[in-house]
Amino acid sequence: MKAARFHKYGGADVMRYDDAPDPSPGPGEVLINVRACALNHVDIDIRDGTSRLPIELPHTLGFEFAGEIASVGDEVEGWTEGDRVAPLSQLHCNRCRWCARGQHQHCEQLTMFGIQRPGGYAELVVAPARALIPLPDQLAFEHAASVQAVFGTGWHALTKRARITEGDWILVNAAASGVGTAGIQIARMLGGRVIASASSEEKLALARELGAEETVNYATEDLTERVRELTDGHGVNIVYESVGGELLKKSIAAMDTFGQLVLVGCHAGEVVPVDFIELFRHEWTLLGAARATAEEFRHVMALVGDGRLTPVIAETFPLEYTGEAHRLMESRKHLGKIVLVP
């Protein structure tokens, strides 16, 4: 089979379109013909060696993908060749203390495609049958591959961590990114009023199309001041944050009393000073959200399948142009998700 892999850490030019051994399913596993695989920023961090995640080289990235079952291993029931599926991106043990609590994203033996096991930047991938999510016929593979990282994380962040309520003002930063476009849609579905921030008018136009009531260009406007203006001086109830750095600092200061900031990423700066005097005076809450549970992933996939949520696809690339896809992601000029199509 063909796979896009890297044999050493570095920039986008280290991605190679390789011949790789065809995998075969073992007991309890299926072999999937990959039809679409979404890029995520962690792919860039793994490739350039900054992710802090241990991997073996050469490495095949890609933790969320979709396709058709090519063959079925022994001891698999309920699945046949040709079934349309997307495997859970994270595989949990169902035995540890976190799995017992339903918090699969913290499983003590967690493995993920594209990290501990070969990912979807390939024509074929082996997956455990227990991890498969069935796909309705009307759901495009490109959309199915673009659900878990953004809609799963967004659903977990806004319903289990920040706990959005109807009428809340929500600030969604990096609004035209995959996670931002998902956050806007989820917030609107749950009755929130969205202020979207981004660095260009093109990105803000997309945010308005998705349901944002107000927008802020943080490249030309002071985020804190503008958000307070838009909320009659009060600030927002929830910040859905994926940027970090200076924008994270300004977002904290843009919260109302009892405001909650839920952080799902911080690529623009991972270490940020916090004024704890202001934090306790306003009773602010700073929250982290790490991916989602298996049930949450399945739930958002059903919402996308029903058309209630829709992934925004920026561009698709053939597998042999994975390096170009990585360059587009690093440019931060894309709107929505970037998808590889083997």
Protein backbone atom coordinates (compact mmCIF):
# COMPACT_ATOMS: atom_id res chain seq x y z
CA MET A 1 0.00 0.00 0.00
CA LYS A 2 0.93 3.67 -0.17
CA ALA A 3 1.35 5.78 2.97
CA ALA A 4 2.52 9.31 3.76
CA ARG A 5 5.21 8.95 6.44
CA PHE A 6 8.19 10.76 7.89
CA HIS A 7 11.52 9.09 8.65
CA LYS A 8 12.99 11.99 10.62
CA TYR A 9 11.70 15.05 12.44
CA GLY A 10 11.52 18.34 10.59
CA GLY A 11 9.44 20.60 8.38
CA ALA A 12 6.79 19.67 5.85
CA ASP A 13 9.44 18.52 3.40
CA VAL A 14 10.19 15.42 5.53
CA MET A 15 6.82 13.91 4.56
CA ARG A 16 7.34 11.08 2.05
CA TYR A 17 4.89 9.18 -0.13
CA ASP A 18 6.10 5.67 0.62
CA ASP A 19 5.47 2.07 -0.25
CA ALA A 20 4.57 0.41 3.06
CA PRO A 21 3.65 -3.16 4.00
CA ASP A 22 -0.04 -4.04 3.70
CA PRO A 23 -1.44 -4.56 7.21
CA SER A 24 -3.73 -7.49 7.98
CA PRO A 25 -6.41 -7.74 10.66
CA GLY A 26 -5.95 -10.02 13.65
CA PRO A 27 -8.66 -11.50 15.88
CA GLY A 28 -11.27 -8.88 16.75
CA GLU A 29 -9.97 -6.47 14.09
CA VAL A 30 -10.97 -5.21 10.66
CA LEU A 31 -8.97 -3.79 7.75
CA ILE A 32 -10.23 -0.41 6.53
CA ASN A 33 -9.84 1.11 3.07
CA VAL A 34 -9.21 4.73 4.05
CA ARG A 35 -11.30 7.15 1.99
CA ALA A 36 -10.55 10.34 3.93
CA CYS A 37 -8.24 11.38 6.77
CA ALA A 38 -8.35 14.78 8.47
CA LEU A 39 -5.29 16.78 9.48
CA ASN A 40 -4.96 18.13 13.00
CA HIS A 41 -2.40 20.52 14.40
CA VAL A 42 -0.97 17.83 16.64
CA ASP A 43 0.18 16.15 13.39
CA ILE A 44 2.47 19.13 12.84
CA ASP A 45 3.74 18.98 16.42
CA ILE A 46 4.51 15.26 16.13
CA ARG A 47 6.23 15.68 12.77
CA ASP A 48 8.49 18.52 13.93
CA GLY A 49 9.31 16.83 17.25
CA THR A 50 7.68 19.33 19.64
CA SER A 51 4.69 17.24 20.73
CA ARG A 52 6.43 15.47 23.67
CA LEU A 53 4.80 12.26 22.42
CA PRO A 54 7.05 9.19 22.01
CA ILE A 55 6.84 7.60 18.56
CA GLU A 56 8.85 5.21 16.43
CA LEU A 57 10.22 6.23 13.02
CA PRO A 58 9.17 5.96 10.25
CA HIS A 59 5.80 7.13 11.47
CA THR A 60 2.33 7.33 9.90
CA LEU A 61 0.18 10.16 11.25
CA GLY A 62 -3.59 10.63 11.20
CA PHE A 63 -5.88 9.93 14.15
CA GLU A 64 -9.29 10.57 12.59
CA PHE A 65 -10.28 8.89 9.35
CA ALA A 66 -13.16 7.14 7.62
CA GLY A 67 -13.58 4.47 4.99
CA GLU A 68 -14.96 1.05 4.11
CA ILE A 69 -14.19 -2.31 5.65
CA ALA A 70 -11.90 -4.24 3.28
CA SER A 71 -11.70 -7.46 5.28
CA VAL A 72 -12.74 -8.86 8.65
CA GLY A 73 -10.55 -10.77 11.08
CA ASP A 74 -11.50 -13.77 13.21
CA GLU A 75 -13.89 -13.31 16.14
CA VAL A 76 -15.54 -10.25 14.59
CA GLU A 77 -19.33 -10.20 14.58
CA GLY A 78 -21.75 -7.65 13.18
CA TRP A 79 -19.43 -6.19 10.53
CA THR A 80 -18.93 -7.15 6.89
CA GLU A 81 -16.84 -6.06 3.93
CA GLY A 82 -18.08 -2.80 2.44
CA ASP A 83 -19.52 -1.38 5.68
CA ARG A 84 -18.91 2.37 5.94
CA VAL A 85 -17.13 3.18 9.21
CA ALA A 86 -15.03 5.63 11.18
CA PRO A 87 -13.06 4.19 14.11
CA LEU A 88 -12.83 6.00 17.42
CA SER A 89 -9.62 8.03 17.33
CA GLN A 90 -8.71 6.99 20.87
CA LEU A 91 -8.81 3.39 22.05
CA HIS A 92 -9.45 2.81 25.75
CA CYS A 93 -8.96 -0.30 27.87
CA ASN A 94 -12.36 -0.49 29.63
CA ARG A 95 -10.56 -1.72 32.76
CA CYS A 96 -8.77 1.17 34.49
CA ARG A 97 -10.26 3.61 37.05
CA TRP A 98 -10.89 6.28 34.41
CA CYS A 99 -12.70 3.93 32.06
CA ALA A 100 -14.81 2.77 35.02
CA ARG A 101 -15.89 6.41 35.45
CA GLY A 102 -16.58 6.81 31.72
CA GLN A 103 -13.67 9.23 31.29
CA HIS A 104 -12.09 7.35 28.39
CA GLN A 105 -9.86 10.22 27.31
CA HIS A 106 -7.83 9.69 30.50
CA CYS A 107 -7.53 5.91 30.15
CA GLU A 108 -4.29 4.71 31.74
CA GLN A 109 -3.61 2.49 28.71
CA LEU A 110 -4.95 4.85 26.05
CA THR A 111 -3.67 4.43 22.50
CA MET A 112 -4.44 6.60 19.49
CA PHE A 113 -4.18 6.18 15.75
CA GLY A 114 -1.36 8.28 14.37
CA ILE A 115 0.48 8.24 17.70
CA GLN A 116 0.94 4.86 19.38
CA ARG A 117 -0.35 2.94 16.32
CA PRO A 118 -0.24 3.64 12.56
CA GLY A 119 -2.71 6.31 11.49
CA GLY A 120 -4.89 7.22 8.56
CA TYR A 121 -2.27 8.84 6.29
CA ALA A 122 -2.39 5.55 4.40
CA GLU A 123 -4.51 3.52 2.02
CA LEU A 124 -5.15 0.78 4.60
CA VAL A 125 -5.45 0.78 8.40
CA VAL A 126 -6.24 -1.99 10.89
CA ALA A 127 -8.72 -1.09 13.65
CA PRO A 128 -10.41 -2.98 16.51
CA ALA A 129 -13.99 -3.86 15.62
CA ARG A 130 -15.14 -2.64 19.05
CA ALA A 131 -14.03 0.89 18.14
CA LEU A 132 -16.01 1.24 14.90
CA ILE A 133 -18.71 3.85 14.40
CA PRO A 134 -21.15 3.03 11.57
CA LEU A 135 -21.70 5.79 9.02
CA PRO A 136 -25.00 6.57 7.30
CA ASP A 137 -24.95 6.47 3.50
CA GLN A 138 -25.61 10.20 3.19
CA LEU A 139 -22.54 11.18 5.25
CA ALA A 140 -19.53 11.96 3.06
CA PHE A 141 -16.26 10.34 4.10
CA GLU A 142 -14.57 13.76 4.18
CA HIS A 143 -17.13 14.95 6.73
CA ALA A 144 -17.02 11.74 8.76
CA ALA A 145 -13.22 12.08 9.04
CA SER A 146 -13.57 15.65 10.34
CA VAL A 147 -15.83 15.11 13.35
CA GLN A 148 -14.08 13.70 16.39
CA ALA A 149 -11.24 16.14 17.05
CA VAL A 150 -13.34 19.29 16.66
CA PHE A 151 -16.97 18.40 17.40
CA GLY A 152 -16.12 15.77 20.02
CA THR A 153 -13.77 18.11 21.85
CA GLY A 154 -16.18 21.01 21.47
CA TRP A 155 -19.13 19.04 22.82
CA HIS A 156 -17.12 17.84 25.82
CA ALA A 157 -15.75 21.33 26.48
CA LEU A 158 -19.07 23.17 26.29
CA THR A 159 -21.38 20.63 27.92
CA LYS A 160 -19.24 18.76 30.47
CA ARG A 161 -16.55 21.29 31.36
CA ALA A 162 -17.93 24.82 30.88
CA ARG A 163 -21.58 23.67 30.95
CA ILE A 164 -23.18 26.19 28.62
CA THR A 165 -26.74 27.36 29.35
CA GLU A 166 -29.23 29.03 27.01
CA GLY A 167 -28.59 32.75 26.57
CA ASP A 168 -24.92 32.63 27.60
CA TRP A 169 -22.51 34.84 25.69
CA ILE A 170 -19.72 32.65 24.26
CA LEU A 171 -16.45 34.00 22.87
CA VAL A 172 -15.07 31.58 20.26
CA ASN A 173 -11.46 32.34 19.35
CA ALA A 174 -9.80 31.24 16.09
CA ALA A 175 -13.34 31.06 14.79
CA ALA A 176 -12.48 29.88 11.27
CA SER A 177 -10.32 26.95 12.39
CA GLY A 178 -11.72 23.44 12.54
CA VAL A 179 -12.23 23.66 16.29
CA GLY A 180 -13.60 27.20 16.00
CA THR A 181 -16.18 26.40 13.32
CA ALA A 182 -17.32 23.44 15.43
CA GLY A 183 -17.48 25.56 18.59
CA ILE A 184 -19.71 28.14 16.94
CA GLN A 185 -22.16 25.50 15.73
CA ILE A 186 -22.30 23.67 19.06
CA ALA A 187 -22.77 26.90 21.04
CA ARG A 188 -25.60 28.00 18.76
CA MET A 189 -27.28 24.58 18.91
CA LEU A 190 -27.26 24.77 22.71
CA GLY A 191 -28.72 28.27 22.83
CA GLY A 192 -25.56 30.34 23.23
CA ARG A 193 -24.95 33.77 21.74
CA VAL A 194 -21.61 33.75 19.94
CA ILE A 195 -18.95 36.40 19.60
CA ALA A 196 -16.37 35.07 17.15
CA SER A 197 -12.79 36.30 16.94
CA ALA A 198 -10.31 35.77 14.14
CA SER A 199 -7.46 37.54 12.35
CA SER A 200 -9.09 38.41 9.00
CA GLU A 201 -12.37 39.61 7.57
CA GLU A 202 -12.64 36.47 5.42
CA LYS A 203 -12.51 34.29 8.52
CA LEU A 204 -15.04 36.47 10.33
CA ALA A 205 -17.42 36.29 7.38
CA LEU A 206 -17.39 32.50 7.69
CA ALA A 207 -18.09 32.80 11.42
CA ARG A 208 -21.15 34.94 10.72
CA GLU A 209 -22.39 32.40 8.17
CA LEU A 210 -22.17 29.74 10.89
CA GLY A 211 -24.25 31.77 13.32
CA ALA A 212 -21.99 34.19 15.19
CA GLU A 213 -23.94 37.30 16.22
CA GLU A 214 -20.89 39.50 16.62
CA THR A 215 -17.27 39.35 15.46
CA VAL A 216 -13.92 40.79 16.53
CA ASN A 217 -10.79 41.05 14.40
CA TYR A 218 -8.10 40.54 17.02
CA ALA A 219 -5.41 41.56 14.53
CA THR A 220 -6.80 45.11 14.38
CA GLU A 221 -8.97 45.47 17.51
CA ASP A 222 -8.34 45.08 21.22
CA LEU A 223 -10.14 41.83 22.03
CA THR A 224 -10.89 42.63 25.66
CA GLU A 225 -12.25 46.11 25.00
CA ARG A 226 -14.34 45.08 21.99
CA VAL A 227 -15.89 42.07 23.72
CA ARG A 228 -16.90 44.23 26.69
CA GLU A 229 -18.42 46.79 24.35
CA LEU A 230 -20.49 44.08 22.67
CA THR A 231 -21.78 42.78 26.02
CA ASP A 232 -22.74 46.17 27.54
CA GLY A 233 -19.57 46.22 29.58
CA HIS A 234 -20.19 42.90 31.31
CA GLY A 235 -18.02 40.43 29.41
CA VAL A 236 -18.79 36.92 28.21
CA ASN A 237 -20.00 33.96 30.28
CA ILE A 238 -17.76 31.44 28.48
CA VAL A 239 -14.56 31.66 26.44
CA TYR A 240 -13.91 28.75 24.07
CA GLU A 241 -10.18 29.08 23.58
CA SER A 242 -7.75 27.24 21.31
CA VAL A 243 -5.00 29.80 20.64
CA GLY A 244 -3.08 30.59 23.83
CA GLY A 245 -0.45 33.29 24.28
CA GLU A 246 -1.51 36.93 24.33
CA LEU A 247 -5.00 36.11 23.07
CA LEU A 248 -5.57 33.85 26.07
CA LYS A 249 -4.61 36.69 28.45
CA LYS A 250 -6.99 39.09 26.74
CA SER A 251 -9.75 36.49 26.75
CA ILE A 252 -9.54 35.99 30.52
CA ALA A 253 -9.93 39.73 30.99
CA ALA A 254 -13.00 39.69 28.69
CA MET A 255 -15.04 37.46 31.04
CA ASP A 256 -18.00 38.47 33.17
CA THR A 257 -18.11 37.65 36.90
CA PHE A 258 -18.39 33.85 37.27
CA GLY A 259 -17.00 33.57 33.72
CA GLN A 260 -15.54 30.27 32.55
CA LEU A 261 -12.65 29.81 30.12
CA VAL A 262 -12.34 26.34 28.63
CA LEU A 263 -9.04 25.65 26.90
CA VAL A 264 -8.74 23.07 24.11
CA GLY A 265 -5.42 24.21 22.58
CA CYS A 266 -2.64 26.76 22.96
CA HIS A 267 -0.33 26.65 19.94
CA ALA A 268 0.42 30.38 20.08
CA GLY A 269 1.84 30.15 23.60
CA GLU A 270 1.59 27.38 26.17
CA VAL A 271 2.71 29.35 29.25
CA VAL A 272 0.67 32.43 30.13
CA PRO A 273 0.78 34.59 33.32
CA VAL A 274 -2.50 34.78 35.23
CA ASP A 275 -3.52 37.56 37.64
CA PHE A 276 -4.95 35.46 40.46
CA ILE A 277 -6.20 38.54 42.35
CA GLU A 278 -8.54 39.28 39.44
CA LEU A 279 -9.41 35.59 39.20
CA PHE A 280 -10.68 35.23 42.76
CA ARG A 281 -12.33 38.64 42.87
CA HIS A 282 -14.44 37.78 39.81
CA GLU A 283 -14.77 34.08 40.69
CA TRP A 284 -13.53 33.10 37.27
CA THR A 285 -12.95 29.45 36.36
CA LEU A 286 -10.16 28.21 34.08
CA LEU A 287 -10.84 24.76 32.64
CA GLY A 288 -9.02 22.29 30.42
CA ALA A 289 -10.79 19.98 27.97
CA ALA A 290 -8.87 16.98 26.63
CA ARG A 291 -10.73 15.39 23.73
CA ALA A 292 -13.94 13.52 24.68
CA THR A 293 -15.43 10.23 25.83
CA ALA A 294 -16.37 7.41 23.46
CA GLU A 295 -20.05 8.20 23.99
CA GLU A 296 -19.49 11.87 23.16
CA PHE A 297 -17.63 10.96 19.96
CA ARG A 298 -20.49 8.69 18.91
CA HIS A 299 -23.05 11.35 19.81
CA VAL A 300 -21.50 14.10 17.69
CA MET A 301 -21.03 11.69 14.79
CA ALA A 302 -24.80 11.06 14.94
CA LEU A 303 -25.48 14.81 15.00
CA VAL A 304 -23.32 15.28 11.91
CA GLY A 305 -24.99 12.28 10.25
CA ASP A 306 -28.39 13.88 10.90
CA GLY A 307 -27.24 17.19 9.42
CA ARG A 308 -27.55 19.13 12.70
CA LEU A 309 -23.81 19.86 12.69
CA THR A 310 -21.66 20.23 9.57
CA PRO A 311 -17.86 20.09 9.32
CA VAL A 312 -16.33 22.91 7.31
CA ILE A 313 -13.82 21.53 4.80
CA ALA A 314 -11.13 23.96 3.74
CA GLU A 315 -9.42 21.82 1.10
CA THR A 316 -8.74 18.19 0.19
CA PHE A 317 -5.37 16.84 -0.97
CA PRO A 318 -4.32 13.52 -2.52
CA LEU A 319 -2.14 11.50 -0.17
CA GLU A 320 0.99 12.17 -2.24
CA TYR A 321 0.60 15.92 -1.52
CA THR A 322 0.61 15.57 2.27
CA GLY A 323 3.55 17.96 2.54
CA GLU A 324 1.53 20.66 0.79
CA ALA A 325 -1.38 19.98 3.13
CA HIS A 326 0.94 20.46 6.12
CA ARG A 327 2.24 23.73 4.69
CA LEU A 328 -1.32 25.02 4.34
CA MET A 329 -2.09 24.12 7.94
CA GLU A 330 1.06 25.84 9.16
CA SER A 331 0.19 28.98 7.18
CA ARG A 332 -3.04 29.34 9.22
CA LYS A 333 -4.75 30.64 6.07
CA HIS A 334 -7.27 27.80 5.77
CA LEU A 335 -10.92 27.99 6.79
CA GLY A 336 -12.03 24.77 8.50
CA LYS A 337 -10.54 21.30 8.19
CA ILE A 338 -7.88 20.04 5.77
CA VAL A 339 -8.47 16.50 4.54
CA LEU A 340 -6.30 13.90 2.80
CA VAL A 341 -7.99 11.61 0.27
CA PRO A 342 -5.94 8.44 -0.42
